[in-house]
Amino acid sequence: MVKANPQPLLEELEKIGDQLSIVTLVDHMVGYAQALGASDIHVDPTESGVRVRMRVDGVLQNCCTFSKEIQSEVVSRIKVLSGLRTDEHNAPQDGRFRVRLDNGRNVDIRVSVVPTFYGENAVMRLLSDEADEFTLKSLGFTPENEQKILRAISKPHGMILATGPTGSGKTTTLYTLVRMLNTKESSIITIEDPIEYAIPGINQIQVNHRTGLTFANGLRSMLRQDPNIIMVGEIRDVDTAGLAVNIALTGHLILSTLHTNDAATTLPRLLDMKVEPYLIASTVNLAIGQRLVRKICAHCKEEKAMTEAETKSLSGLIPEDLLKSQKTIYRGLGCDECGGAGFMGRLGIHEVMEIDNPIREAILRKTSANDVRKLAIRHGMVPIILDGFHKVREGLTTIEEVLRMRYE
């Protein structure tokens, strides 16, 4: 992705009051965020003004500050764009709108407005159509992990689960898999909360709690739509887990996400949701654990010697022979292209656990997540911390980023 120069837009943003209309102000805010490569815009009211921050490569950074007098006008403009009620100030509201940028890109923007002590707070999530270009390789999957995923999605039924904390890229992984599976021979239905990207050729359902359309109710209705493949945005309760497993048993391929710390914890998490061990063993084909780390900026990357402190920080996490053999790594010095950060963009680090017969037998015995993890590693699963270290060796990220992912 070639970013526009954000500096002129920042200078325009600093022109407030009579010099810049509210309409232009919000437009420049979105343009500046896109030029920075930001994923989110935070419009935060404070006691004396309005602070605007941008989340770039997963890290929030300050953008600018506006006077308190224009706070309500800025929020009202965002509400108008996203079709929200401008006369409602005491209840949360969610909406979305689309803008077309000067470079021809479409950006869908998901909006959340909530009342706070100092006024309404607005957060805008930028969903660029560049997501259409994602591949398993561009997401950071190694060739070995890619082959495991390809084997899993080639099966006509079962479950593929992406796991990790909020903001770890699980949904992007699922969308990438759905696009790979989207052929004229397949009927694909998704149920999401919210729908992040519109994909031509598949039916996407938005959860609506006001009308009783939950993940569980939506799944029940989906079966009457004759699908081959179903994507569930998240398995978050007992009803959804039970339905998803039973649907996978009846000849459907289910893709979904779970909030767990790693791939192995997926199995006891399903047990916690009252799914019987034999059902888990029969349906789960693959569990993907993932995190996002920042990529070293290619424009200012330089080689450096690996320090003793860096080696010590990885001791016990990485095999000693591999650690001792690594003498040099890379870092970003900071330049105009990356805004001095030394990083540009993000990629995933993963662990991909195929559910083979030994792991199925362990599930039936209700083996602990730690023992399942050890078993998976013996059968070829590369732990996420080791996958991260391989990407450090390749010059894609830094040790600090991998450790930040581990301890966050």
Protein backbone atom coordinates (compact mmCIF):
# COMPACT_ATOMS: atom_id res chain seq x y z
CA MET A 1 0.00 0.00 0.00
CA VAL A 2 1.34 3.45 -0.93
CA LYS A 3 0.27 5.97 1.65
CA ALA A 4 -0.54 9.57 0.87
CA ASN A 5 1.53 12.27 2.56
CA PRO A 6 -0.34 12.93 5.84
CA GLN A 7 1.39 16.22 6.71
CA PRO A 8 -0.77 18.56 4.56
CA LEU A 9 -3.91 16.95 5.96
CA LEU A 10 -2.65 17.40 9.53
CA GLU A 11 -2.00 21.08 8.82
CA GLU A 12 -5.56 21.40 7.50
CA LEU A 13 -6.94 19.66 10.59
CA GLU A 14 -5.30 22.28 12.78
CA LYS A 15 -7.37 25.00 11.06
CA ILE A 16 -10.46 25.11 13.26
CA GLY A 17 -13.25 27.58 13.87
CA ASP A 18 -13.91 30.00 11.01
CA GLN A 19 -11.09 28.62 8.88
CA LEU A 20 -12.50 25.10 8.46
CA SER A 21 -16.10 23.89 8.25
CA ILE A 22 -17.24 20.92 10.35
CA VAL A 23 -17.96 18.95 7.15
CA THR A 24 -14.42 19.51 5.87
CA LEU A 25 -12.98 18.83 9.32
CA VAL A 26 -14.51 15.33 9.49
CA ASP A 27 -13.49 14.62 5.87
CA HIS A 28 -9.90 15.61 6.62
CA MET A 29 -9.97 13.47 9.77
CA VAL A 30 -10.83 10.38 7.71
CA GLY A 31 -8.33 11.31 4.99
CA TYR A 32 -5.55 11.80 7.54
CA ALA A 33 -6.33 8.46 9.19
CA GLN A 34 -6.17 6.69 5.85
CA ALA A 35 -2.91 8.44 4.94
CA LEU A 36 -1.40 7.27 8.24
CA GLY A 37 -2.68 3.73 7.69
CA ALA A 38 -4.77 3.99 10.87
CA SER A 39 -7.39 1.38 11.73
CA ASP A 40 -9.41 3.55 14.16
CA ILE A 41 -10.17 7.20 14.88
CA HIS A 42 -10.98 8.11 18.48
CA VAL A 43 -12.86 11.38 19.07
CA ASP A 44 -12.63 11.69 22.86
CA PRO A 45 -14.32 14.52 24.79
CA THR A 46 -12.38 15.95 27.71
CA GLU A 47 -13.20 18.58 30.31
CA SER A 48 -11.77 21.42 28.23
CA GLY A 49 -11.80 20.17 24.62
CA VAL A 50 -11.90 17.25 22.20
CA ARG A 51 -8.89 15.00 21.73
CA VAL A 52 -8.50 13.11 18.44
CA ARG A 53 -6.31 10.00 18.39
CA MET A 54 -5.46 7.48 15.67
CA ARG A 55 -4.65 3.79 16.15
CA VAL A 56 -1.73 3.03 13.83
CA ASP A 57 -0.41 -0.53 13.68
CA GLY A 58 -2.27 -1.33 16.88
CA VAL A 59 -0.89 1.62 18.90
CA LEU A 60 -2.88 4.77 19.71
CA GLN A 61 -1.16 8.09 19.00
CA ASN A 62 -2.30 11.67 19.48
CA CYS A 63 -3.43 13.58 16.40
CA CYS A 64 -4.84 16.96 17.39
CA THR A 65 -7.16 18.74 19.82
CA PHE A 66 -10.29 20.81 19.12
CA SER A 67 -12.10 23.33 21.27
CA LYS A 68 -15.05 22.25 23.39
CA GLU A 69 -17.39 24.58 21.44
CA ILE A 70 -17.39 22.40 18.32
CA GLN A 71 -17.65 19.03 20.10
CA SER A 72 -21.40 18.56 19.53
CA GLU A 73 -21.11 19.68 15.89
CA VAL A 74 -18.34 17.17 15.13
CA VAL A 75 -20.30 14.30 16.71
CA SER A 76 -23.50 15.40 14.94
CA ARG A 77 -21.70 15.36 11.58
CA ILE A 78 -20.46 11.82 12.25
CA LYS A 79 -24.02 10.79 13.20
CA VAL A 80 -25.48 12.31 10.03
CA LEU A 81 -22.97 10.44 7.86
CA SER A 82 -23.72 7.13 9.55
CA GLY A 83 -27.50 7.53 9.70
CA LEU A 84 -27.78 7.83 13.48
CA ARG A 85 -30.23 9.90 15.50
CA THR A 86 -28.85 13.37 16.12
CA ASP A 87 -31.39 14.04 18.90
CA GLU A 88 -30.33 11.04 21.00
CA HIS A 89 -27.52 11.83 23.42
CA ASN A 90 -28.00 9.38 26.29
CA ALA A 91 -27.83 5.97 24.61
CA PRO A 92 -25.14 4.15 22.63
CA GLN A 93 -25.59 4.11 18.85
CA ASP A 94 -23.87 2.13 16.10
CA GLY A 95 -23.80 2.87 12.37
CA ARG A 96 -21.61 2.95 9.31
CA PHE A 97 -20.91 4.96 6.17
CA ARG A 98 -18.69 4.76 3.11
CA VAL A 99 -16.30 7.32 1.66
CA ARG A 100 -14.38 7.30 -1.61
CA LEU A 101 -10.87 8.67 -1.24
CA ASP A 102 -8.85 10.65 -3.78
CA ASN A 103 -6.82 7.52 -4.63
CA GLY A 104 -9.99 5.74 -5.77
CA ARG A 105 -10.19 3.45 -2.73
CA ASN A 106 -13.49 2.85 -0.96
CA VAL A 107 -13.34 2.91 2.84
CA ASP A 108 -16.24 1.59 4.90
CA ILE A 109 -16.33 3.25 8.29
CA ARG A 110 -18.01 1.61 11.27
CA VAL A 111 -19.13 4.12 13.89
CA SER A 112 -19.79 3.70 17.61
CA VAL A 113 -21.09 6.66 19.64
CA VAL A 114 -21.51 6.36 23.43
CA PRO A 115 -22.38 8.93 26.12
CA THR A 116 -19.58 9.71 28.60
CA PHE A 117 -19.13 12.09 31.53
CA TYR A 118 -17.79 14.89 29.28
CA GLY A 119 -20.15 14.29 26.34
CA GLU A 120 -20.51 11.82 23.51
CA ASN A 121 -17.46 9.83 22.47
CA ALA A 122 -17.16 8.62 18.87
CA VAL A 123 -14.91 5.85 17.56
CA MET A 124 -14.64 5.18 13.82
CA ARG A 125 -13.20 1.89 12.52
CA LEU A 126 -11.78 2.13 8.97
CA LEU A 127 -12.44 -0.96 6.86
CA SER A 128 -10.57 -0.52 3.59
CA ASP A 129 -11.41 -2.57 0.50
CA GLU A 130 -7.74 -3.60 0.51
CA ALA A 131 -8.93 -6.54 2.63
CA ASP A 132 -9.99 -8.08 -0.69
CA GLU A 133 -6.30 -8.56 -1.49
CA PHE A 134 -5.38 -10.56 1.62
CA THR A 135 -3.93 -14.05 1.18
CA LEU A 136 -2.76 -16.54 3.78
CA LYS A 137 0.82 -15.63 2.88
CA SER A 138 0.23 -11.87 3.27
CA LEU A 139 -1.39 -12.51 6.66
CA GLY A 140 1.87 -14.08 7.83
CA PHE A 141 1.10 -17.82 7.63
CA THR A 142 4.14 -19.97 6.92
CA PRO A 143 3.97 -22.47 4.01
CA GLU A 144 3.60 -25.33 6.53
CA ASN A 145 0.69 -23.66 8.34
CA GLU A 146 -0.86 -22.68 5.02
CA GLN A 147 -0.89 -26.35 3.97
CA LYS A 148 -2.63 -27.32 7.21
CA ILE A 149 -5.33 -24.72 6.59
CA LEU A 150 -5.78 -25.79 2.96
CA ARG A 151 -6.27 -29.39 4.09
CA ALA A 152 -8.89 -28.28 6.63
CA ILE A 153 -10.93 -26.12 4.24
CA SER A 154 -10.93 -28.88 1.63
CA LYS A 155 -12.97 -31.08 3.98
CA PRO A 156 -16.75 -30.94 3.39
CA HIS A 157 -17.65 -30.70 7.07
CA GLY A 158 -16.24 -29.93 10.50
CA MET A 159 -15.12 -26.79 12.33
CA ILE A 160 -12.23 -24.37 11.81
CA LEU A 161 -11.74 -22.05 14.78
CA ALA A 162 -9.61 -18.90 14.91
CA THR A 163 -8.62 -17.99 18.47
CA GLY A 164 -6.96 -15.10 20.23
CA PRO A 165 -7.82 -11.92 22.13
CA THR A 166 -9.76 -8.97 20.74
CA GLY A 167 -7.86 -7.23 17.95
CA SER A 168 -5.68 -10.20 17.02
CA GLY A 169 -6.93 -10.45 13.42
CA LYS A 170 -9.25 -13.47 13.83
CA THR A 171 -12.05 -12.01 11.71
CA THR A 172 -9.65 -11.04 8.92
CA THR A 173 -8.39 -14.63 8.84
CA LEU A 174 -11.96 -15.94 8.56
CA TYR A 175 -12.82 -13.48 5.77
CA THR A 176 -9.73 -14.61 3.87
CA LEU A 177 -10.82 -18.25 4.18
CA VAL A 178 -14.38 -17.39 3.12
CA ARG A 179 -13.09 -15.65 -0.02
CA MET A 180 -11.01 -18.72 -0.85
CA LEU A 181 -14.09 -20.94 -0.45
CA ASN A 182 -16.42 -18.60 -2.36
CA THR A 183 -17.08 -20.52 -5.58
CA LYS A 184 -20.18 -20.96 -7.73
CA GLU A 185 -20.54 -24.52 -6.42
CA SER A 186 -20.83 -23.44 -2.77
CA SER A 187 -23.58 -21.71 -0.82
CA ILE A 188 -22.02 -19.62 1.96
CA ILE A 189 -23.94 -17.84 4.71
CA THR A 190 -22.43 -15.76 7.52
CA ILE A 191 -23.89 -14.35 10.72
CA GLU A 192 -21.83 -11.50 12.16
CA ASP A 193 -21.90 -8.77 14.78
CA PRO A 194 -21.16 -6.52 13.02
CA ILE A 195 -20.63 -7.25 9.31
CA GLU A 196 -17.18 -5.80 8.65
CA TYR A 197 -16.68 -6.44 4.94
CA ALA A 198 -19.29 -7.03 2.25
CA ILE A 199 -18.36 -10.01 0.07
CA PRO A 200 -20.12 -10.44 -3.29
CA GLY A 201 -21.68 -13.85 -3.82
CA ILE A 202 -22.40 -14.78 -0.20
CA ASN A 203 -25.31 -14.05 2.13
CA GLN A 204 -24.33 -12.08 5.23
CA ILE A 205 -26.66 -11.70 8.21
CA GLN A 206 -26.29 -8.96 10.83
CA VAL A 207 -27.08 -9.89 14.45
CA ASN A 208 -29.93 -7.74 15.79
CA HIS A 209 -30.69 -8.23 19.48
CA ARG A 210 -33.68 -5.86 19.37
CA THR A 211 -35.51 -8.22 17.01
CA GLY A 212 -34.23 -11.40 18.67
CA LEU A 213 -31.80 -12.24 15.86
CA THR A 214 -28.91 -13.68 17.87
CA PHE A 215 -26.10 -15.96 16.75
CA ALA A 216 -28.05 -18.98 18.02
CA ASN A 217 -31.38 -18.01 16.39
CA GLY A 218 -29.62 -17.07 13.17
CA LEU A 219 -27.90 -20.46 13.03
CA ARG A 220 -31.26 -22.23 13.39
CA SER A 221 -32.68 -20.24 10.48
CA MET A 222 -29.61 -20.75 8.30
CA LEU A 223 -30.15 -24.50 8.02
CA ARG A 224 -33.35 -23.87 6.04
CA GLN A 225 -31.28 -21.87 3.52
CA ASP A 226 -29.41 -24.95 2.24
CA PRO A 227 -25.83 -23.76 2.97
CA ASN A 228 -22.60 -25.68 2.42
CA ILE A 229 -20.43 -23.37 4.49
CA ILE A 230 -21.39 -21.23 7.49
CA MET A 231 -19.30 -18.53 9.13
CA VAL A 232 -20.27 -17.55 12.68
CA GLY A 233 -18.69 -14.29 13.81
CA GLU A 234 -18.06 -15.59 17.33
CA ILE A 235 -18.99 -18.53 19.52
CA ARG A 236 -19.69 -16.76 22.79
CA ASP A 237 -22.36 -18.80 24.61
CA VAL A 238 -23.57 -22.33 25.30
CA ASP A 239 -26.44 -22.24 22.78
CA THR A 240 -24.25 -21.08 19.89
CA ALA A 241 -21.52 -23.61 20.70
CA GLY A 242 -23.99 -26.50 20.85
CA LEU A 243 -25.71 -25.53 17.61
CA ALA A 244 -22.42 -24.96 15.74
CA VAL A 245 -21.09 -28.39 16.75
CA ASN A 246 -24.31 -30.16 15.78
CA ILE A 247 -24.46 -28.36 12.43
CA ALA A 248 -20.85 -29.40 11.74
CA LEU A 249 -21.88 -33.01 12.47
CA THR A 250 -24.62 -32.86 9.84
CA GLY A 251 -22.29 -32.22 6.91
CA HIS A 252 -21.55 -28.49 7.02
CA LEU A 253 -18.23 -26.65 7.23
CA ILE A 254 -18.29 -24.14 10.11
CA LEU A 255 -15.82 -21.25 10.47
CA SER A 256 -15.84 -19.25 13.68
CA THR A 257 -13.80 -17.47 16.36
CA LEU A 258 -13.25 -18.06 20.07
CA HIS A 259 -11.69 -15.82 22.70
CA THR A 260 -8.91 -18.02 24.08
CA ASN A 261 -5.23 -17.50 24.80
CA ASP A 262 -3.92 -20.15 22.41
CA ALA A 263 -4.97 -22.92 20.05
CA ALA A 264 -4.87 -25.70 22.68
CA THR A 265 -7.20 -23.83 25.05
CA THR A 266 -9.90 -24.03 22.37
CA LEU A 267 -10.76 -27.57 23.43
CA PRO A 268 -11.34 -27.01 27.19
CA ARG A 269 -13.15 -23.77 26.29
CA LEU A 270 -15.70 -25.78 24.32
CA LEU A 271 -15.96 -28.18 27.27
CA ASP A 272 -16.77 -25.16 29.47
CA MET A 273 -19.58 -24.40 27.03
CA LYS A 274 -21.14 -27.82 27.81
CA VAL A 275 -20.07 -29.45 24.53
CA GLU A 276 -19.47 -33.17 25.03
CA PRO A 277 -15.88 -34.38 24.45
CA TYR A 278 -16.93 -36.86 21.74
CA LEU A 279 -18.63 -34.05 19.82
CA ILE A 280 -15.51 -31.86 20.01
CA ALA A 281 -13.32 -34.75 18.85
CA SER A 282 -15.71 -35.49 15.97
CA THR A 283 -16.13 -31.95 14.64
CA VAL A 284 -13.13 -29.68 15.28
CA ASN A 285 -10.67 -30.02 12.38
CA LEU A 286 -8.35 -27.07 13.05
CA ALA A 287 -7.62 -24.46 15.71
CA ILE A 288 -5.63 -21.35 14.77
CA GLY A 289 -4.07 -19.27 17.54
CA GLN A 290 -2.87 -15.84 16.48
CA ARG A 291 -1.62 -12.39 17.45
CA LEU A 292 -0.64 -9.29 15.49
CA VAL A 293 2.84 -7.73 15.63
CA ARG A 294 4.16 -4.61 13.94
CA LYS A 295 6.35 -5.02 10.86
CA ILE A 296 9.74 -3.32 10.66
CA CYS A 297 9.65 -0.45 8.17
CA ALA A 298 11.34 -1.61 4.97
CA HIS A 299 12.65 1.92 4.25
CA CYS A 300 14.75 2.27 7.41
CA LYS A 301 15.47 -1.35 8.35
CA GLU A 302 19.02 -2.10 9.47
CA GLU A 303 20.84 -5.11 10.79
CA LYS A 304 22.08 -5.11 14.40
CA ALA A 305 23.85 -7.49 16.74
CA MET A 306 21.61 -9.42 19.08
CA THR A 307 22.34 -8.29 22.62
CA GLU A 308 22.80 -10.46 25.69
CA ALA A 309 19.66 -8.95 27.23
CA GLU A 310 17.62 -9.88 24.16
CA THR A 311 18.97 -13.43 24.24
CA LYS A 312 18.14 -13.69 27.95
CA SER A 313 14.59 -12.40 27.40
CA LEU A 314 13.91 -15.36 25.11
CA SER A 315 15.64 -17.96 27.26
CA GLY A 316 13.25 -20.79 28.06
CA LEU A 317 10.87 -19.74 25.29
CA ILE A 318 13.05 -20.60 22.29
CA PRO A 319 15.21 -23.75 21.92
CA GLU A 320 18.70 -22.92 23.22
CA ASP A 321 20.54 -24.17 20.12
CA LEU A 322 18.39 -21.97 17.87
CA LEU A 323 18.82 -18.98 20.18
CA LYS A 324 22.59 -19.31 20.42
CA SER A 325 22.98 -19.60 16.66
CA GLN A 326 21.23 -16.25 16.08
CA LYS A 327 23.82 -13.47 16.10
CA THR A 328 22.09 -10.65 14.23
CA ILE A 329 18.54 -9.32 14.01
CA TYR A 330 16.89 -6.20 12.53
CA ARG A 331 15.33 -2.97 13.69
CA GLY A 332 13.74 0.11 12.16
CA LEU A 333 15.62 3.36 12.72
CA GLY A 334 12.60 5.58 12.01
CA CYS A 335 12.14 7.65 8.86
CA ASP A 336 9.64 9.93 7.09
CA GLU A 337 7.88 6.93 5.52
CA CYS A 338 6.99 5.40 8.88
CA GLY A 339 6.61 8.68 10.76
CA GLY A 340 9.67 7.94 12.88
CA ALA A 341 8.12 4.81 14.42
CA GLY A 342 10.43 2.28 12.77
CA PHE A 343 7.38 0.13 11.95
CA MET A 344 4.93 0.09 9.06
CA GLY A 345 2.01 -2.32 8.89
CA ARG A 346 1.29 -5.48 10.84
CA LEU A 347 1.41 -9.21 10.26
CA GLY A 348 0.20 -12.25 12.14
CA ILE A 349 2.16 -14.76 14.15
CA HIS A 350 0.38 -18.07 14.48
CA GLU A 351 0.15 -21.56 15.83
CA VAL A 352 -2.00 -23.95 13.81
CA MET A 353 -3.16 -27.12 15.54
CA GLU A 354 -4.54 -29.91 13.38
CA ILE A 355 -6.84 -32.21 15.30
CA ASP A 356 -5.36 -35.64 14.53
CA ASN A 357 -6.14 -38.99 16.15
CA PRO A 358 -3.80 -38.64 19.17
CA ILE A 359 -5.30 -35.24 19.98
CA ARG A 360 -8.84 -36.63 19.51
CA GLU A 361 -8.03 -39.37 22.01
CA ALA A 362 -6.68 -36.74 24.42
CA ILE A 363 -9.92 -34.75 24.07
CA LEU A 364 -11.99 -37.84 24.88
CA ARG A 365 -9.90 -38.26 28.05
CA LYS A 366 -10.55 -34.58 28.93
CA THR A 367 -6.81 -33.94 28.94
CA SER A 368 -5.72 -30.48 30.16
CA ALA A 369 -4.94 -27.72 27.66
CA ASN A 370 -1.27 -27.81 28.66
CA ASP A 371 -0.98 -31.52 27.88
CA VAL A 372 -2.88 -31.10 24.60
CA ARG A 373 -0.45 -28.31 23.69
CA LYS A 374 2.59 -30.51 24.40
CA LEU A 375 1.05 -33.30 22.35
CA ALA A 376 0.35 -30.95 19.42
CA ILE A 377 3.95 -29.64 19.49
CA ARG A 378 5.26 -33.23 19.40
CA HIS A 379 3.08 -33.79 16.33
CA GLY A 380 4.40 -30.78 14.43
CA MET A 381 2.65 -27.66 15.73
CA VAL A 382 5.02 -24.66 15.84
CA PRO A 383 4.24 -22.60 19.00
CA ILE A 384 3.24 -19.00 18.41
CA ILE A 385 6.32 -17.63 20.22
CA LEU A 386 8.60 -19.72 17.96
CA ASP A 387 6.71 -18.58 14.85
CA GLY A 388 7.30 -15.02 16.07
CA PHE A 389 11.04 -15.69 16.51
CA HIS A 390 11.27 -17.08 12.97
CA LYS A 391 9.80 -13.79 11.74
CA VAL A 392 12.39 -11.91 13.83
CA ARG A 393 15.13 -13.94 12.09
CA GLU A 394 13.62 -13.06 8.70
CA GLY A 395 13.78 -9.36 9.55
CA LEU A 396 10.00 -8.89 9.57
CA THR A 397 9.56 -7.83 13.20
CA THR A 398 11.48 -7.34 16.46
CA ILE A 399 11.97 -9.32 19.65
CA GLU A 400 10.26 -6.53 21.60
CA GLU A 401 7.14 -6.89 19.44
CA VAL A 402 6.98 -10.67 19.92
CA LEU A 403 7.41 -10.33 23.68
CA ARG A 404 4.82 -7.52 23.81
CA MET A 405 2.35 -9.87 22.14
CA ARG A 406 3.16 -12.58 24.66
CA TYR A 407 2.72 -10.48 27.79
CA GLU A 408 -0.14 -8.16 26.75
